All heavy atoms as atom14 arrays in JSON, in Angstrom:
{
  "sequence": "QDLASQSIDDMITTWRKHMSRAGGSTGTQKAAEHI",
  "atom14_mask": [
    [1, 1, 1, 1, 1, 1, 1, 1, 1, 0, 0, 0, 0, 0],
    [1, 1, 1, 1, 1, 1, 1, 1, 0, 0, 0, 0, 0, 0],
    [1, 1, 1, 1, 1, 1, 1, 1, 0, 0, 0, 0, 0, 0],
    [1, 1, 1, 1, 1, 0, 0, 0, 0, 0, 0, 0, 0, 0],
    [1, 1, 1, 1, 1, 1, 0, 0, 0, 0, 0, 0, 0, 0],
    [1, 1, 1, 1, 1, 1, 1, 1, 1, 0, 0, 0, 0, 0],
    [1, 1, 1, 1, 1, 1, 0, 0, 0, 0, 0, 0, 0, 0],
    [1, 1, 1, 1, 1, 1, 1, 1, 0, 0, 0, 0, 0, 0],
    [1, 1, 1, 1, 1, 1, 1, 1, 0, 0, 0, 0, 0, 0],
    [1, 1, 1, 1, 1, 1, 1, 1, 0, 0, 0, 0, 0, 0],
    [1, 1, 1, 1, 1, 1, 1, 1, 0, 0, 0, 0, 0, 0],
    [1, 1, 1, 1, 1, 1, 1, 1, 0, 0, 0, 0, 0, 0],
    [1, 1, 1, 1, 1, 1, 1, 0, 0, 0, 0, 0, 0, 0],
    [1, 1, 1, 1, 1, 1, 1, 0, 0, 0, 0, 0, 0, 0],
    [1, 1, 1, 1, 1, 1, 1, 1, 1, 1, 1, 1, 1, 1],
    [1, 1, 1, 1, 1, 1, 1, 1, 1, 1, 1, 0, 0, 0],
    [1, 1, 1, 1, 1, 1, 1, 1, 1, 0, 0, 0, 0, 0],
    [1, 1, 1, 1, 1, 1, 1, 1, 1, 1, 0, 0, 0, 0],
    [1, 1, 1, 1, 1, 1, 1, 1, 0, 0, 0, 0, 0, 0],
    [1, 1, 1, 1, 1, 1, 0, 0, 0, 0, 0, 0, 0, 0],
    [1, 1, 1, 1, 1, 1, 1, 1, 1, 1, 1, 0, 0, 0],
    [1, 1, 1, 1, 1, 0, 0, 0, 0, 0, 0, 0, 0, 0],
    [1, 1, 1, 1, 0, 0, 0, 0, 0, 0, 0, 0, 0, 0],
    [1, 1, 1, 1, 0, 0, 0, 0, 0, 0, 0, 0, 0, 0],
    [1, 1, 1, 1, 1, 1, 0, 0, 0, 0, 0, 0, 0, 0],
    [1, 1, 1, 1, 1, 1, 1, 0, 0, 0, 0, 0, 0, 0],
    [1, 1, 1, 1, 0, 0, 0, 0, 0, 0, 0, 0, 0, 0],
    [1, 1, 1, 1, 1, 1, 1, 0, 0, 0, 0, 0, 0, 0],
    [1, 1, 1, 1, 1, 1, 1, 1, 1, 0, 0, 0, 0, 0],
    [1, 1, 1, 1, 1, 1, 1, 1, 1, 0, 0, 0, 0, 0],
    [1, 1, 1, 1, 1, 0, 0, 0, 0, 0, 0, 0, 0, 0],
    [1, 1, 1, 1, 1, 0, 0, 0, 0, 0, 0, 0, 0, 0],
    [1, 1, 1, 1, 1, 1, 1, 1, 1, 0, 0, 0, 0, 0],
    [1, 1, 1, 1, 1, 1, 1, 1, 1, 1, 0, 0, 0, 0],
    [1, 1, 1, 1, 1, 1, 1, 1, 0, 0, 0, 0, 0, 0]
  ],
  "atom14_positions": [
    [[4.3, -5.58, 13.36], [5.41, -4.52, 13.46], [5.99, -4.18, 12.22], [6.43, -3.04, 11.99], [6.4, -4.98, 14.61], [7.23, -6.26, 14.2], [6.54, -7.46, 14.78], [5.41, -7.52, 15.06], [7.37, -8.6, 14.85], [0.0, 0.0, 0.0], [0.0, 0.0, 0.0], [0.0, 0.0, 0.0], [0.0, 0.0, 0.0], [0.0, 0.0, 0.0]],
    [[6.14, -5.08, 11.24], [6.58, -4.74, 9.92], [5.66, -3.84, 9.1], [6.11, -2.91, 8.46], [6.81, -6.06, 9.1], [7.92, -6.98, 9.79], [8.76, -6.42, 10.47], [7.91, -8.18, 9.36], [0.0, 0.0, 0.0], [0.0, 0.0, 0.0], [0.0, 0.0, 0.0], [0.0, 0.0, 0.0], [0.0, 0.0, 0.0], [0.0, 0.0, 0.0]],
    [[4.34, -4.09, 9.39], [3.36, -3.28, 8.69], [3.33, -1.89, 9.24], [3.22, -0.9, 8.47], [1.95, -3.93, 8.87], [0.86, -3.2, 8.23], [0.97, -3.14, 6.7], [-0.45, -3.92, 8.54], [0.0, 0.0, 0.0], [0.0, 0.0, 0.0], [0.0, 0.0, 0.0], [0.0, 0.0, 0.0], [0.0, 0.0, 0.0], [0.0, 0.0, 0.0]],
    [[3.54, -1.75, 10.52], [3.51, -0.49, 11.23], [4.73, 0.47, 10.71], [4.62, 1.66, 10.74], [3.42, -0.59, 12.71], [0.0, 0.0, 0.0], [0.0, 0.0, 0.0], [0.0, 0.0, 0.0], [0.0, 0.0, 0.0], [0.0, 0.0, 0.0], [0.0, 0.0, 0.0], [0.0, 0.0, 0.0], [0.0, 0.0, 0.0], [0.0, 0.0, 0.0]],
    [[5.83, -0.19, 10.31], [6.94, 0.61, 9.84], [6.98, 0.93, 8.45], [7.83, 1.59, 7.93], [8.23, -0.25, 10.28], [8.34, -1.38, 9.45], [0.0, 0.0, 0.0], [0.0, 0.0, 0.0], [0.0, 0.0, 0.0], [0.0, 0.0, 0.0], [0.0, 0.0, 0.0], [0.0, 0.0, 0.0], [0.0, 0.0, 0.0], [0.0, 0.0, 0.0]],
    [[5.93, 0.46, 7.65], [5.82, 0.72, 6.13], [5.31, 2.07, 5.96], [4.55, 2.74, 6.81], [4.91, -0.23, 5.6], [5.33, -1.68, 5.57], [6.41, -2.01, 4.54], [6.21, -1.6, 3.4], [7.47, -2.71, 4.89], [0.0, 0.0, 0.0], [0.0, 0.0, 0.0], [0.0, 0.0, 0.0], [0.0, 0.0, 0.0], [0.0, 0.0, 0.0]],
    [[5.62, 2.64, 4.76], [5.09, 3.94, 4.26], [4.0, 3.57, 3.33], [3.76, 2.39, 2.84], [6.16, 4.82, 3.74], [6.56, 4.35, 2.46], [0.0, 0.0, 0.0], [0.0, 0.0, 0.0], [0.0, 0.0, 0.0], [0.0, 0.0, 0.0], [0.0, 0.0, 0.0], [0.0, 0.0, 0.0], [0.0, 0.0, 0.0], [0.0, 0.0, 0.0]],
    [[3.19, 4.56, 2.94], [2.12, 4.29, 2.02], [2.74, 3.84, 0.57], [2.21, 2.94, -0.06], [1.3, 5.56, 1.83], [0.53, 5.82, 3.08], [0.26, 5.32, 0.64], [-0.24, 7.16, 3.16], [0.0, 0.0, 0.0], [0.0, 0.0, 0.0], [0.0, 0.0, 0.0], [0.0, 0.0, 0.0], [0.0, 0.0, 0.0], [0.0, 0.0, 0.0]],
    [[3.78, 4.56, 0.2], [4.44, 4.11, -1.07], [4.96, 2.69, -1.02], [4.94, 2.02, -1.98], [5.46, 5.2, -1.4], [4.94, 6.59, -1.74], [3.78, 6.57, -2.28], [5.6, 7.58, -1.56], [0.0, 0.0, 0.0], [0.0, 0.0, 0.0], [0.0, 0.0, 0.0], [0.0, 0.0, 0.0], [0.0, 0.0, 0.0], [0.0, 0.0, 0.0]],
    [[5.62, 2.3, 0.14], [6.04, 1.07, 0.2], [4.98, -0.05, 0.17], [5.2, -1.05, -0.48], [6.79, 0.89, 1.63], [8.11, 1.61, 1.73], [8.56, 2.02, 0.62], [8.49, 1.9, 2.93], [0.0, 0.0, 0.0], [0.0, 0.0, 0.0], [0.0, 0.0, 0.0], [0.0, 0.0, 0.0], [0.0, 0.0, 0.0], [0.0, 0.0, 0.0]],
    [[3.81, 0.28, 0.79], [2.71, -0.62, 0.68], [2.2, -0.74, -0.8], [2.0, -1.95, -1.22], [1.54, -0.1, 1.46], [1.72, -0.21, 2.98], [1.59, -1.96, 3.58], [-0.13, -2.38, 3.29], [0.0, 0.0, 0.0], [0.0, 0.0, 0.0], [0.0, 0.0, 0.0], [0.0, 0.0, 0.0], [0.0, 0.0, 0.0], [0.0, 0.0, 0.0]],
    [[2.22, 0.34, -1.5], [1.64, 0.25, -2.86], [2.64, -0.46, -3.72], [2.25, -1.39, -4.64], [1.34, 1.65, -3.39], [0.08, 2.11, -2.62], [1.07, 1.66, -4.98], [-0.27, 3.57, -2.97], [0.0, 0.0, 0.0], [0.0, 0.0, 0.0], [0.0, 0.0, 0.0], [0.0, 0.0, 0.0], [0.0, 0.0, 0.0], [0.0, 0.0, 0.0]],
    [[3.97, -0.29, -3.55], [4.99, -1.0, -4.24], [4.88, -2.51, -3.95], [5.09, -3.37, -4.91], [6.39, -0.48, -3.87], [6.41, 0.9, -4.11], [7.46, -1.18, -4.7], [0.0, 0.0, 0.0], [0.0, 0.0, 0.0], [0.0, 0.0, 0.0], [0.0, 0.0, 0.0], [0.0, 0.0, 0.0], [0.0, 0.0, 0.0], [0.0, 0.0, 0.0]],
    [[4.67, -2.87, -2.7], [4.52, -4.24, -2.29], [3.26, -4.82, -3.03], [3.28, -5.99, -3.59], [4.35, -4.39, -0.77], [5.54, -3.83, -0.15], [4.18, -5.85, -0.37], [0.0, 0.0, 0.0], [0.0, 0.0, 0.0], [0.0, 0.0, 0.0], [0.0, 0.0, 0.0], [0.0, 0.0, 0.0], [0.0, 0.0, 0.0], [0.0, 0.0, 0.0]],
    [[2.1, -4.14, -3.1], [0.91, -4.61, -3.72], [1.15, -4.8, -5.25], [0.5, -5.64, -5.83], [-0.2, -3.78, -3.39], [-0.69, -3.72, -1.95], [-0.42, -4.76, -1.11], [-1.5, -2.74, -1.36], [-1.05, -4.43, 0.13], [-1.67, -3.27, 0.03], [-1.94, -1.54, -1.7], [-2.36, -2.46, 0.99], [-2.82, -0.85, -0.81], [-2.94, -1.33, 0.54]],
    [[1.86, -4.03, -5.87], [2.14, -3.99, -7.19], [2.8, -5.29, -7.76], [2.82, -5.73, -8.86], [2.88, -2.79, -7.76], [2.0, -1.58, -7.76], [2.32, -0.63, -8.87], [1.27, 0.42, -8.97], [1.53, 1.72, -8.82], [2.79, 2.12, -8.55], [0.46, 2.54, -8.8], [0.0, 0.0, 0.0], [0.0, 0.0, 0.0], [0.0, 0.0, 0.0]],
    [[3.52, -5.93, -6.85], [4.07, -7.32, -7.15], [3.04, -8.29, -7.4], [3.3, -9.2, -8.17], [4.96, -7.8, -5.95], [6.17, -6.91, -5.64], [6.92, -7.5, -4.44], [7.98, -6.56, -3.97], [8.6, -7.13, -2.79], [0.0, 0.0, 0.0], [0.0, 0.0, 0.0], [0.0, 0.0, 0.0], [0.0, 0.0, 0.0], [0.0, 0.0, 0.0]],
    [[1.88, -8.09, -6.96], [0.91, -9.11, -7.04], [-0.44, -8.62, -7.91], [-1.15, -9.42, -8.3], [0.34, -9.54, -5.64], [1.32, -10.13, -4.76], [1.67, -11.47, -4.85], [2.14, -9.56, -3.79], [2.66, -11.71, -3.99], [3.01, -10.62, -3.35], [0.0, 0.0, 0.0], [0.0, 0.0, 0.0], [0.0, 0.0, 0.0], [0.0, 0.0, 0.0]],
    [[-0.44, -7.26, -8.01], [-1.64, -6.7, -8.74], [-1.15, -5.59, -9.67], [-0.22, -4.92, -9.34], [-2.57, -6.12, -7.68], [-3.09, -7.03, -6.63], [-3.98, -6.18, -5.41], [-5.38, -5.66, -6.31], [0.0, 0.0, 0.0], [0.0, 0.0, 0.0], [0.0, 0.0, 0.0], [0.0, 0.0, 0.0], [0.0, 0.0, 0.0], [0.0, 0.0, 0.0]],
    [[-1.72, -5.47, -10.85], [-1.37, -4.45, -11.76], [-1.86, -3.03, -11.27], [-1.16, -2.06, -11.62], [-1.75, -4.79, -13.18], [-3.22, -4.95, -13.17], [0.0, 0.0, 0.0], [0.0, 0.0, 0.0], [0.0, 0.0, 0.0], [0.0, 0.0, 0.0], [0.0, 0.0, 0.0], [0.0, 0.0, 0.0], [0.0, 0.0, 0.0], [0.0, 0.0, 0.0]],
    [[-3.03, -3.0, -10.81], [-3.59, -1.72, -10.48], [-3.64, -1.44, -8.96], [-4.9, -1.42, -8.42], [-4.93, -1.47, -11.14], [-4.85, -1.6, -12.64], [-6.2, -1.49, -13.3], [-6.86, -0.23, -12.94], [-8.11, 0.1, -13.05], [-8.83, -0.86, -13.7], [-8.66, 1.13, -12.7], [0.0, 0.0, 0.0], [0.0, 0.0, 0.0], [0.0, 0.0, 0.0]],
    [[-2.72, -1.44, -8.27], [-2.68, -1.4, -6.78], [-2.78, 0.05, -6.19], [-3.12, 0.19, -5.08], [-1.58, -2.2, -6.23], [0.0, 0.0, 0.0], [0.0, 0.0, 0.0], [0.0, 0.0, 0.0], [0.0, 0.0, 0.0], [0.0, 0.0, 0.0], [0.0, 0.0, 0.0], [0.0, 0.0, 0.0], [0.0, 0.0, 0.0], [0.0, 0.0, 0.0]],
    [[-2.36, 1.04, -6.93], [-2.44, 2.32, -6.59], [-3.75, 3.1, -6.69], [-4.85, 2.46, -6.48], [0.0, 0.0, 0.0], [0.0, 0.0, 0.0], [0.0, 0.0, 0.0], [0.0, 0.0, 0.0], [0.0, 0.0, 0.0], [0.0, 0.0, 0.0], [0.0, 0.0, 0.0], [0.0, 0.0, 0.0], [0.0, 0.0, 0.0], [0.0, 0.0, 0.0]],
    [[-3.77, 4.29, -7.06], [-4.86, 5.05, -7.25], [-5.36, 5.57, -5.95], [-4.78, 5.36, -4.85], [0.0, 0.0, 0.0], [0.0, 0.0, 0.0], [0.0, 0.0, 0.0], [0.0, 0.0, 0.0], [0.0, 0.0, 0.0], [0.0, 0.0, 0.0], [0.0, 0.0, 0.0], [0.0, 0.0, 0.0], [0.0, 0.0, 0.0], [0.0, 0.0, 0.0]],
    [[-6.48, 6.27, -5.92], [-6.98, 6.97, -4.66], [-7.48, 5.88, -3.65], [-7.21, 6.05, -2.49], [-8.0, 7.93, -4.93], [-9.17, 7.31, -5.54], [0.0, 0.0, 0.0], [0.0, 0.0, 0.0], [0.0, 0.0, 0.0], [0.0, 0.0, 0.0], [0.0, 0.0, 0.0], [0.0, 0.0, 0.0], [0.0, 0.0, 0.0], [0.0, 0.0, 0.0]],
    [[-8.11, 4.82, -4.17], [-8.68, 3.83, -3.21], [-7.55, 3.1, -2.73], [-7.56, 2.74, -1.47], [-9.53, 2.85, -4.02], [-10.59, 3.58, -4.71], [-10.14, 1.85, -3.13], [0.0, 0.0, 0.0], [0.0, 0.0, 0.0], [0.0, 0.0, 0.0], [0.0, 0.0, 0.0], [0.0, 0.0, 0.0], [0.0, 0.0, 0.0], [0.0, 0.0, 0.0]],
    [[-6.47, 2.73, -3.45], [-5.38, 2.01, -2.86], [-4.51, 2.79, -1.84], [-4.07, 2.3, -0.8], [0.0, 0.0, 0.0], [0.0, 0.0, 0.0], [0.0, 0.0, 0.0], [0.0, 0.0, 0.0], [0.0, 0.0, 0.0], [0.0, 0.0, 0.0], [0.0, 0.0, 0.0], [0.0, 0.0, 0.0], [0.0, 0.0, 0.0], [0.0, 0.0, 0.0]],
    [[-4.34, 4.12, -2.15], [-3.69, 5.01, -1.3], [-4.45, 5.14, 0.05], [-3.82, 5.04, 1.17], [-3.55, 6.35, -1.9], [-2.84, 6.22, -3.08], [-2.69, 7.31, -0.96], [0.0, 0.0, 0.0], [0.0, 0.0, 0.0], [0.0, 0.0, 0.0], [0.0, 0.0, 0.0], [0.0, 0.0, 0.0], [0.0, 0.0, 0.0], [0.0, 0.0, 0.0]],
    [[-5.73, 5.22, 0.0], [-6.62, 5.32, 1.12], [-6.52, 4.01, 1.99], [-6.43, 4.08, 3.15], [-8.03, 5.59, 0.81], [-8.23, 6.99, 0.31], [-9.67, 7.19, -0.2], [-10.51, 6.31, -0.26], [-10.05, 8.43, -0.66], [0.0, 0.0, 0.0], [0.0, 0.0, 0.0], [0.0, 0.0, 0.0], [0.0, 0.0, 0.0], [0.0, 0.0, 0.0]],
    [[-6.63, 2.91, 1.32], [-6.57, 1.65, 1.99], [-5.14, 1.4, 2.65], [-5.14, 1.01, 3.71], [-6.84, 0.49, 0.96], [-7.01, -0.92, 1.5], [-8.22, -1.04, 2.36], [-9.45, -1.04, 1.47], [-10.62, -1.49, 2.28], [0.0, 0.0, 0.0], [0.0, 0.0, 0.0], [0.0, 0.0, 0.0], [0.0, 0.0, 0.0], [0.0, 0.0, 0.0]],
    [[-4.13, 1.81, 1.91], [-2.79, 1.73, 2.58], [-2.65, 2.58, 3.8], [-2.14, 2.15, 4.87], [-1.68, 2.01, 1.51], [0.0, 0.0, 0.0], [0.0, 0.0, 0.0], [0.0, 0.0, 0.0], [0.0, 0.0, 0.0], [0.0, 0.0, 0.0], [0.0, 0.0, 0.0], [0.0, 0.0, 0.0], [0.0, 0.0, 0.0], [0.0, 0.0, 0.0]],
    [[-3.06, 3.8, 3.72], [-3.02, 4.81, 4.82], [-3.79, 4.15, 6.04], [-3.46, 4.26, 7.24], [-3.55, 6.17, 4.51], [0.0, 0.0, 0.0], [0.0, 0.0, 0.0], [0.0, 0.0, 0.0], [0.0, 0.0, 0.0], [0.0, 0.0, 0.0], [0.0, 0.0, 0.0], [0.0, 0.0, 0.0], [0.0, 0.0, 0.0], [0.0, 0.0, 0.0]],
    [[-5.07, 3.68, 5.7], [-5.9, 3.21, 6.81], [-5.25, 1.93, 7.42], [-5.25, 1.75, 8.7], [-7.33, 2.77, 6.18], [-8.26, 2.24, 7.23], [-9.51, 1.8, 6.61], [-9.71, 2.0, 5.36], [-10.46, 1.39, 7.29], [0.0, 0.0, 0.0], [0.0, 0.0, 0.0], [0.0, 0.0, 0.0], [0.0, 0.0, 0.0], [0.0, 0.0, 0.0]],
    [[-4.65, 1.11, 6.69], [-4.07, -0.11, 7.09], [-2.91, 0.16, 7.99], [-2.71, -0.37, 9.1], [-3.67, -0.95, 5.89], [-3.51, -2.47, 6.3], [-4.4, -3.29, 7.06], [-2.58, -3.32, 5.92], [-3.92, -4.42, 7.09], [-2.85, -4.53, 6.49], [0.0, 0.0, 0.0], [0.0, 0.0, 0.0], [0.0, 0.0, 0.0], [0.0, 0.0, 0.0]],
    [[-2.11, 1.12, 7.57], [-0.91, 1.39, 8.35], [-1.25, 2.17, 9.69], [-0.72, 1.8, 10.81], [0.02, 2.38, 7.58], [0.72, 1.59, 6.48], [1.15, 2.96, 8.37], [1.38, 2.39, 5.36], [0.0, 0.0, 0.0], [0.0, 0.0, 0.0], [0.0, 0.0, 0.0], [0.0, 0.0, 0.0], [0.0, 0.0, 0.0], [0.0, 0.0, 0.0]]
  ]
}
């Protein structure tokens, strides 16, 4: 339920805490698919 309430930008910001290159087209697609 926490994941379903996230936006794509929130997901990428969350991933950037753990990874330096979390965004980009692949990261955006993965975040949108996951949500």
